[in-house]
Amino acid sequence: MSFHEKSAAITLAGLVIWYGIYFALHAEMILSGEGVLAASTAILFITMIGFVAIVAAGHIVVAIFMEKGDDETDERERFISLKAERNGGFILGVGVVLTLGLMLVGATNFTAANALLFALFVSEAVSLASKLVYYRQAI
């Protein structure tokens, strides 16, 4: 496993764990459209700090045990990154358009902001998962 593959796995795990908790805690507020901004902001701040801490610790551990030359980027890795980012970008575009649709039918600002955050979360998760699949397929 290359450093880039391990990095994608660590980031995906941290993303799914921390933002999964965030959206689970906000599910009722998001679905009802009645969000409490102060509570939401505090939970989002804790989520971001936890995510960064987990991902940074994981990358430090991987870097410590990394073999020499394991972090070099070759043509295959650039190709994998481009294909994965394309997948994530498509999902983000769809999410933004759907959020605009929500806003047109009268969604609250809280709902729209969380819909955009969810679109960003899903697009990044798709991008990272695509990288892992492409690495496993040896594209």
N, C-alpha and C. Protein backbone atom coordinates (compact mmCIF):
# COMPACT_ATOMS: atom_id res chain seq x y z
N MET A 1 0.84 -1.18 0.00
CA MET A 1 0.00 0.00 0.00
C MET A 1 0.89 1.24 0.00
N SER A 2 0.63 2.15 -0.92
CA SER A 2 1.42 3.37 -0.97
C SER A 2 0.94 4.37 0.09
N PHE A 3 1.75 5.39 0.30
CA PHE A 3 1.39 6.43 1.27
C PHE A 3 0.08 7.10 0.85
N HIS A 4 -0.10 7.34 -0.45
CA HIS A 4 -1.30 8.02 -0.93
C HIS A 4 -2.55 7.17 -0.69
N GLU A 5 -2.43 5.87 -0.84
CA GLU A 5 -3.55 4.98 -0.59
C GLU A 5 -3.90 4.95 0.90
N LYS A 6 -2.88 4.87 1.74
CA LYS A 6 -3.11 4.90 3.18
C LYS A 6 -3.71 6.23 3.61
N SER A 7 -3.24 7.31 3.01
CA SER A 7 -3.75 8.64 3.31
C SER A 7 -5.24 8.73 2.96
N ALA A 8 -5.62 8.21 1.82
CA ALA A 8 -7.02 8.23 1.41
C ALA A 8 -7.88 7.42 2.37
N ALA A 9 -7.38 6.27 2.81
CA ALA A 9 -8.14 5.41 3.73
C ALA A 9 -8.32 6.09 5.09
N ILE A 10 -7.26 6.71 5.59
CA ILE A 10 -7.34 7.40 6.88
C ILE A 10 -8.31 8.57 6.80
N THR A 11 -8.21 9.35 5.74
CA THR A 11 -9.07 10.52 5.59
C THR A 11 -10.53 10.10 5.42
N LEU A 12 -10.78 9.05 4.65
CA LEU A 12 -12.15 8.56 4.47
C LEU A 12 -12.72 8.07 5.80
N ALA A 13 -11.94 7.32 6.55
CA ALA A 13 -12.42 6.82 7.85
C ALA A 13 -12.75 7.98 8.79
N GLY A 14 -11.86 8.95 8.88
CA GLY A 14 -12.11 10.11 9.74
C GLY A 14 -13.32 10.89 9.29
N LEU A 15 -13.47 11.06 7.99
CA LEU A 15 -14.60 11.80 7.43
C LEU A 15 -15.91 11.11 7.76
N VAL A 16 -15.98 9.82 7.52
CA VAL A 16 -17.21 9.08 7.75
C VAL A 16 -17.55 9.05 9.24
N ILE A 17 -16.56 8.85 10.09
CA ILE A 17 -16.82 8.79 11.53
C ILE A 17 -17.30 10.14 12.05
N TRP A 18 -16.51 11.19 11.86
CA TRP A 18 -16.83 12.48 12.47
C TRP A 18 -18.03 13.16 11.83
N TYR A 19 -18.10 13.19 10.52
CA TYR A 19 -19.25 13.85 9.90
C TYR A 19 -20.48 12.96 9.94
N GLY A 20 -20.30 11.66 10.05
CA GLY A 20 -21.44 10.79 10.30
C GLY A 20 -22.08 11.10 11.64
N ILE A 21 -21.25 11.32 12.66
CA ILE A 21 -21.76 11.72 13.97
C ILE A 21 -22.46 13.07 13.88
N TYR A 22 -21.84 14.01 13.16
CA TYR A 22 -22.44 15.34 13.01
C TYR A 22 -23.83 15.26 12.39
N PHE A 23 -23.95 14.56 11.28
CA PHE A 23 -25.25 14.48 10.61
C PHE A 23 -26.24 13.63 11.39
N ALA A 24 -25.77 12.64 12.14
CA ALA A 24 -26.67 11.86 12.99
C ALA A 24 -27.24 12.74 14.10
N LEU A 25 -26.40 13.60 14.68
CA LEU A 25 -26.88 14.50 15.73
C LEU A 25 -27.82 15.57 15.19
N HIS A 26 -27.65 15.91 13.93
CA HIS A 26 -28.46 16.97 13.33
C HIS A 26 -29.65 16.46 12.53
N ALA A 27 -29.83 15.18 12.45
CA ALA A 27 -30.87 14.62 11.58
C ALA A 27 -32.24 15.21 11.88
N GLU A 28 -32.61 15.23 13.15
CA GLU A 28 -33.94 15.75 13.49
C GLU A 28 -34.05 17.24 13.18
N MET A 29 -33.01 18.01 13.53
CA MET A 29 -33.04 19.45 13.25
C MET A 29 -33.10 19.72 11.75
N ILE A 30 -32.33 18.97 10.99
CA ILE A 30 -32.29 19.17 9.54
C ILE A 30 -33.63 18.81 8.91
N LEU A 31 -34.19 17.67 9.30
CA LEU A 31 -35.44 17.22 8.70
C LEU A 31 -36.63 18.10 9.10
N SER A 32 -36.62 18.61 10.33
CA SER A 32 -37.73 19.46 10.76
C SER A 32 -37.57 20.89 10.26
N GLY A 33 -36.35 21.27 9.88
CA GLY A 33 -36.11 22.63 9.40
C GLY A 33 -35.95 23.63 10.52
N GLU A 34 -35.95 23.17 11.75
CA GLU A 34 -35.81 24.06 12.91
C GLU A 34 -34.46 23.83 13.56
N GLY A 35 -33.46 24.52 13.10
CA GLY A 35 -32.12 24.34 13.62
C GLY A 35 -31.79 25.36 14.69
N VAL A 36 -31.00 24.96 15.64
CA VAL A 36 -30.51 25.87 16.67
C VAL A 36 -29.07 26.19 16.30
N LEU A 37 -28.86 27.43 15.87
CA LEU A 37 -27.58 27.81 15.30
C LEU A 37 -26.44 27.69 16.30
N ALA A 38 -26.64 28.08 17.54
CA ALA A 38 -25.56 28.03 18.53
C ALA A 38 -25.13 26.58 18.79
N ALA A 39 -26.09 25.69 18.97
CA ALA A 39 -25.76 24.27 19.21
C ALA A 39 -25.12 23.67 17.97
N SER A 40 -25.64 24.01 16.82
CA SER A 40 -25.10 23.48 15.58
C SER A 40 -23.66 23.94 15.35
N THR A 41 -23.40 25.19 15.63
CA THR A 41 -22.05 25.72 15.45
C THR A 41 -21.07 25.03 16.39
N ALA A 42 -21.47 24.80 17.63
CA ALA A 42 -20.59 24.13 18.59
C ALA A 42 -20.30 22.70 18.15
N ILE A 43 -21.32 22.00 17.70
CA ILE A 43 -21.13 20.61 17.26
C ILE A 43 -20.25 20.57 16.01
N LEU A 44 -20.45 21.51 15.08
CA LEU A 44 -19.62 21.56 13.88
C LEU A 44 -18.17 21.85 14.23
N PHE A 45 -17.93 22.75 15.17
CA PHE A 45 -16.57 23.08 15.60
C PHE A 45 -15.88 21.86 16.21
N ILE A 46 -16.59 21.14 17.06
CA ILE A 46 -16.04 19.93 17.68
C ILE A 46 -15.77 18.87 16.60
N THR A 47 -16.68 18.75 15.65
CA THR A 47 -16.51 17.79 14.55
C THR A 47 -15.26 18.09 13.74
N MET A 48 -15.07 19.36 13.40
CA MET A 48 -13.89 19.73 12.60
C MET A 48 -12.60 19.49 13.36
N ILE A 49 -12.58 19.84 14.65
CA ILE A 49 -11.36 19.62 15.45
C ILE A 49 -11.07 18.12 15.58
N GLY A 50 -12.10 17.33 15.85
CA GLY A 50 -11.92 15.88 15.96
C GLY A 50 -11.45 15.26 14.66
N PHE A 51 -12.02 15.70 13.54
CA PHE A 51 -11.62 15.18 12.24
C PHE A 51 -10.16 15.50 11.95
N VAL A 52 -9.78 16.73 12.17
CA VAL A 52 -8.38 17.13 11.90
C VAL A 52 -7.43 16.37 12.82
N ALA A 53 -7.79 16.21 14.07
CA ALA A 53 -6.92 15.50 15.02
C ALA A 53 -6.72 14.04 14.62
N ILE A 54 -7.82 13.37 14.26
CA ILE A 54 -7.73 11.95 13.87
C ILE A 54 -6.91 11.79 12.60
N VAL A 55 -7.18 12.62 11.62
CA VAL A 55 -6.47 12.50 10.33
C VAL A 55 -4.99 12.84 10.51
N ALA A 56 -4.69 13.88 11.28
CA ALA A 56 -3.28 14.24 11.51
C ALA A 56 -2.54 13.13 12.25
N ALA A 57 -3.17 12.57 13.28
CA ALA A 57 -2.53 11.48 14.02
C ALA A 57 -2.31 10.27 13.12
N GLY A 58 -3.29 9.94 12.30
CA GLY A 58 -3.14 8.81 11.38
C GLY A 58 -2.03 9.02 10.38
N HIS A 59 -1.92 10.25 9.85
CA HIS A 59 -0.86 10.53 8.89
C HIS A 59 0.52 10.52 9.55
N ILE A 60 0.59 10.96 10.79
CA ILE A 60 1.87 10.92 11.51
C ILE A 60 2.32 9.48 11.70
N VAL A 61 1.39 8.62 12.10
CA VAL A 61 1.73 7.20 12.30
C VAL A 61 2.17 6.57 10.98
N VAL A 62 1.46 6.84 9.91
CA VAL A 62 1.83 6.29 8.60
C VAL A 62 3.19 6.81 8.17
N ALA A 63 3.45 8.09 8.38
CA ALA A 63 4.73 8.69 7.98
C ALA A 63 5.89 8.09 8.77
N ILE A 64 5.66 7.78 10.03
CA ILE A 64 6.72 7.19 10.85
C ILE A 64 7.13 5.82 10.31
N PHE A 65 6.16 5.02 9.92
CA PHE A 65 6.44 3.66 9.47
C PHE A 65 6.58 3.53 7.95
N MET A 66 6.60 4.66 7.26
CA MET A 66 6.68 4.66 5.80
C MET A 66 8.08 4.25 5.34
N GLU A 67 8.11 3.48 4.27
CA GLU A 67 9.38 3.10 3.69
C GLU A 67 9.87 4.20 2.76
N LYS A 68 11.15 4.24 2.54
CA LYS A 68 11.74 5.28 1.69
C LYS A 68 11.20 5.16 0.26
N GLY A 69 10.81 6.29 -0.32
CA GLY A 69 10.31 6.31 -1.68
C GLY A 69 8.84 5.96 -1.80
N ASP A 70 8.17 5.73 -0.65
CA ASP A 70 6.76 5.33 -0.66
C ASP A 70 5.82 6.49 -0.96
N ASP A 71 6.32 7.71 -0.85
CA ASP A 71 5.46 8.87 -1.03
C ASP A 71 5.61 9.54 -2.39
N GLU A 72 6.36 8.92 -3.28
CA GLU A 72 6.57 9.51 -4.60
C GLU A 72 5.30 9.37 -5.44
N THR A 73 4.98 10.42 -6.18
CA THR A 73 3.81 10.42 -7.04
C THR A 73 4.23 10.10 -8.46
N ASP A 74 3.61 9.07 -9.02
CA ASP A 74 3.91 8.70 -10.40
C ASP A 74 2.69 8.99 -11.28
N GLU A 75 2.79 8.63 -12.53
CA GLU A 75 1.71 8.92 -13.49
C GLU A 75 0.42 8.20 -13.11
N ARG A 76 0.54 6.97 -12.63
CA ARG A 76 -0.64 6.20 -12.24
C ARG A 76 -1.39 6.88 -11.10
N GLU A 77 -0.65 7.37 -10.12
CA GLU A 77 -1.29 8.04 -8.98
C GLU A 77 -1.96 9.34 -9.39
N ARG A 78 -1.35 10.07 -10.32
CA ARG A 78 -1.97 11.30 -10.81
C ARG A 78 -3.27 10.96 -11.56
N PHE A 79 -3.24 9.90 -12.35
CA PHE A 79 -4.41 9.48 -13.10
C PHE A 79 -5.54 9.06 -12.15
N ILE A 80 -5.19 8.31 -11.12
CA ILE A 80 -6.17 7.88 -10.12
C ILE A 80 -6.78 9.10 -9.43
N SER A 81 -5.95 10.05 -9.04
CA SER A 81 -6.45 11.26 -8.38
C SER A 81 -7.39 12.04 -9.28
N LEU A 82 -7.05 12.16 -10.55
CA LEU A 82 -7.91 12.90 -11.48
C LEU A 82 -9.27 12.22 -11.65
N LYS A 83 -9.26 10.89 -11.81
CA LYS A 83 -10.52 10.17 -11.97
C LYS A 83 -11.38 10.26 -10.71
N ALA A 84 -10.74 10.15 -9.55
CA ALA A 84 -11.47 10.21 -8.28
C ALA A 84 -12.04 11.61 -8.05
N GLU A 85 -11.27 12.64 -8.35
CA GLU A 85 -11.75 14.01 -8.19
C GLU A 85 -12.90 14.30 -9.16
N ARG A 86 -12.86 13.72 -10.34
CA ARG A 86 -13.96 13.87 -11.29
C ARG A 86 -15.24 13.31 -10.70
N ASN A 87 -15.15 12.13 -10.11
CA ASN A 87 -16.33 11.51 -9.49
C ASN A 87 -16.89 12.38 -8.37
N GLY A 88 -16.00 12.86 -7.51
CA GLY A 88 -16.43 13.71 -6.41
C GLY A 88 -16.99 15.04 -6.89
N GLY A 89 -16.39 15.60 -7.91
CA GLY A 89 -16.87 16.87 -8.46
C GLY A 89 -18.26 16.75 -9.05
N PHE A 90 -18.54 15.63 -9.69
CA PHE A 90 -19.87 15.40 -10.24
C PHE A 90 -20.91 15.37 -9.12
N ILE A 91 -20.58 14.66 -8.04
CA ILE A 91 -21.50 14.56 -6.90
C ILE A 91 -21.70 15.93 -6.27
N LEU A 92 -20.64 16.70 -6.14
CA LEU A 92 -20.76 18.04 -5.56
C LEU A 92 -21.64 18.93 -6.42
N GLY A 93 -21.47 18.86 -7.73
CA GLY A 93 -22.31 19.64 -8.63
C GLY A 93 -23.78 19.31 -8.48
N VAL A 94 -24.09 18.02 -8.42
CA VAL A 94 -25.48 17.58 -8.24
C VAL A 94 -26.00 18.07 -6.89
N GLY A 95 -25.18 17.98 -5.86
CA GLY A 95 -25.59 18.44 -4.53
C GLY A 95 -25.88 19.93 -4.48
N VAL A 96 -25.08 20.72 -5.16
CA VAL A 96 -25.31 22.17 -5.20
C VAL A 96 -26.61 22.48 -5.94
N VAL A 97 -26.85 21.82 -7.05
CA VAL A 97 -28.09 22.04 -7.80
C VAL A 97 -29.30 21.63 -6.96
N LEU A 98 -29.22 20.50 -6.27
CA LEU A 98 -30.32 20.06 -5.41
C LEU A 98 -30.55 21.04 -4.25
N THR A 99 -29.47 21.58 -3.71
CA THR A 99 -29.61 22.57 -2.64
C THR A 99 -30.27 23.83 -3.15
N LEU A 100 -29.92 24.26 -4.34
CA LEU A 100 -30.60 25.42 -4.94
C LEU A 100 -32.09 25.12 -5.12
N GLY A 101 -32.41 23.90 -5.51
CA GLY A 101 -33.81 23.50 -5.61
C GLY A 101 -34.51 23.56 -4.27
N LEU A 102 -33.83 23.11 -3.21
CA LEU A 102 -34.39 23.21 -1.86
C LEU A 102 -34.68 24.66 -1.49
N MET A 103 -33.75 25.53 -1.83
CA MET A 103 -33.93 26.95 -1.51
C MET A 103 -35.10 27.54 -2.29
N LEU A 104 -35.30 27.10 -3.52
CA LEU A 104 -36.41 27.61 -4.32
C LEU A 104 -37.78 27.19 -3.78
N VAL A 105 -37.83 26.04 -3.11
CA VAL A 105 -39.10 25.60 -2.53
C VAL A 105 -39.28 26.05 -1.09
N GLY A 106 -38.38 26.92 -0.60
CA GLY A 106 -38.59 27.54 0.70
C GLY A 106 -37.84 26.93 1.87
N ALA A 107 -36.75 26.23 1.65
CA ALA A 107 -35.96 25.68 2.75
C ALA A 107 -35.33 26.81 3.56
N THR A 108 -35.15 26.57 4.84
CA THR A 108 -34.52 27.58 5.70
C THR A 108 -33.03 27.67 5.39
N ASN A 109 -32.43 28.74 5.86
CA ASN A 109 -30.98 28.90 5.68
C ASN A 109 -30.22 27.77 6.37
N PHE A 110 -30.69 27.35 7.53
CA PHE A 110 -30.05 26.25 8.27
C PHE A 110 -30.08 24.97 7.45
N THR A 111 -31.22 24.68 6.86
CA THR A 111 -31.35 23.47 6.03
C THR A 111 -30.46 23.56 4.79
N ALA A 112 -30.44 24.71 4.16
CA ALA A 112 -29.63 24.89 2.95
C ALA A 112 -28.14 24.75 3.27
N ALA A 113 -27.71 25.36 4.38
CA ALA A 113 -26.30 25.27 4.76
C ALA A 113 -25.90 23.83 5.05
N ASN A 114 -26.76 23.09 5.76
CA ASN A 114 -26.46 21.69 6.05
C ASN A 114 -26.55 20.82 4.81
N ALA A 115 -27.42 21.18 3.87
CA ALA A 115 -27.49 20.44 2.60
C ALA A 115 -26.20 20.62 1.81
N LEU A 116 -25.68 21.85 1.80
CA LEU A 116 -24.40 22.09 1.11
C LEU A 116 -23.26 21.35 1.80
N LEU A 117 -23.26 21.36 3.14
CA LEU A 117 -22.23 20.63 3.88
C LEU A 117 -22.33 19.14 3.59
N PHE A 118 -23.55 18.63 3.52
CA PHE A 118 -23.75 17.22 3.22
C PHE A 118 -23.26 16.89 1.81
N ALA A 119 -23.54 17.78 0.86
CA ALA A 119 -23.07 17.57 -0.52
C ALA A 119 -21.55 17.54 -0.55
N LEU A 120 -20.91 18.43 0.19
CA LEU A 120 -19.45 18.45 0.26
C LEU A 120 -18.92 17.17 0.90
N PHE A 121 -19.57 16.74 1.98
CA PHE A 121 -19.19 15.51 2.67
C PHE A 121 -19.30 14.30 1.73
N VAL A 122 -20.43 14.17 1.03
CA VAL A 122 -20.63 13.03 0.14
C VAL A 122 -19.65 13.07 -1.03
N SER A 123 -19.41 14.26 -1.58
CA SER A 123 -18.49 14.35 -2.72
C SER A 123 -17.07 13.97 -2.31
N GLU A 124 -16.65 14.40 -1.14
CA GLU A 124 -15.30 14.04 -0.69
C GLU A 124 -15.21 12.55 -0.36
N ALA A 125 -16.27 12.00 0.24
CA ALA A 125 -16.29 10.56 0.53
C ALA A 125 -16.25 9.75 -0.76
N VAL A 126 -16.99 10.17 -1.77
CA VAL A 126 -16.98 9.48 -3.06
C VAL A 126 -15.61 9.57 -3.70
N SER A 127 -15.00 10.74 -3.63
CA SER A 127 -13.67 10.92 -4.20
C SER A 127 -12.64 10.00 -3.53
N LEU A 128 -12.66 9.97 -2.20
CA LEU A 128 -11.70 9.12 -1.47
C LEU A 128 -11.99 7.64 -1.70
N ALA A 129 -13.26 7.26 -1.68
CA ALA A 129 -13.62 5.86 -1.94
C ALA A 129 -13.23 5.45 -3.36
N SER A 130 -13.41 6.37 -4.31
CA SER A 130 -13.00 6.08 -5.69
C SER A 130 -11.50 5.84 -5.77
N LYS A 131 -10.73 6.65 -5.06
CA LYS A 131 -9.28 6.45 -5.05
C LYS A 131 -8.94 5.06 -4.55
N LEU A 132 -9.56 4.66 -3.45
CA LEU A 132 -9.26 3.34 -2.89
C LEU A 132 -9.66 2.22 -3.85
N VAL A 133 -10.79 2.37 -4.50
CA VAL A 133 -11.23 1.35 -5.48
C VAL A 133 -10.25 1.30 -6.65
N TYR A 134 -9.85 2.46 -7.15
CA TYR A 134 -8.93 2.50 -8.28
C TYR A 134 -7.56 1.93 -7.91
N TYR A 135 -7.12 2.19 -6.68
CA TYR A 135 -5.85 1.59 -6.25
C TYR A 135 -5.96 0.07 -6.19
N ARG A 136 -7.09 -0.42 -5.67
CA ARG A 136 -7.29 -1.87 -5.57
C ARG A 136 -7.42 -2.52 -6.94
N GLN A 137 -8.00 -1.80 -7.91
CA GLN A 137 -8.14 -2.32 -9.27
C GLN A 137 -6.84 -2.21 -10.06
N ALA A 138 -5.86 -1.54 -9.49
CA ALA A 138 -4.56 -1.34 -10.11
C ALA A 138 -4.69 -0.64 -11.47
N ILE A 139 -5.50 0.40 -11.47
CA ILE A 139 -5.67 1.18 -12.71
C ILE A 139 -4.41 1.95 -13.00
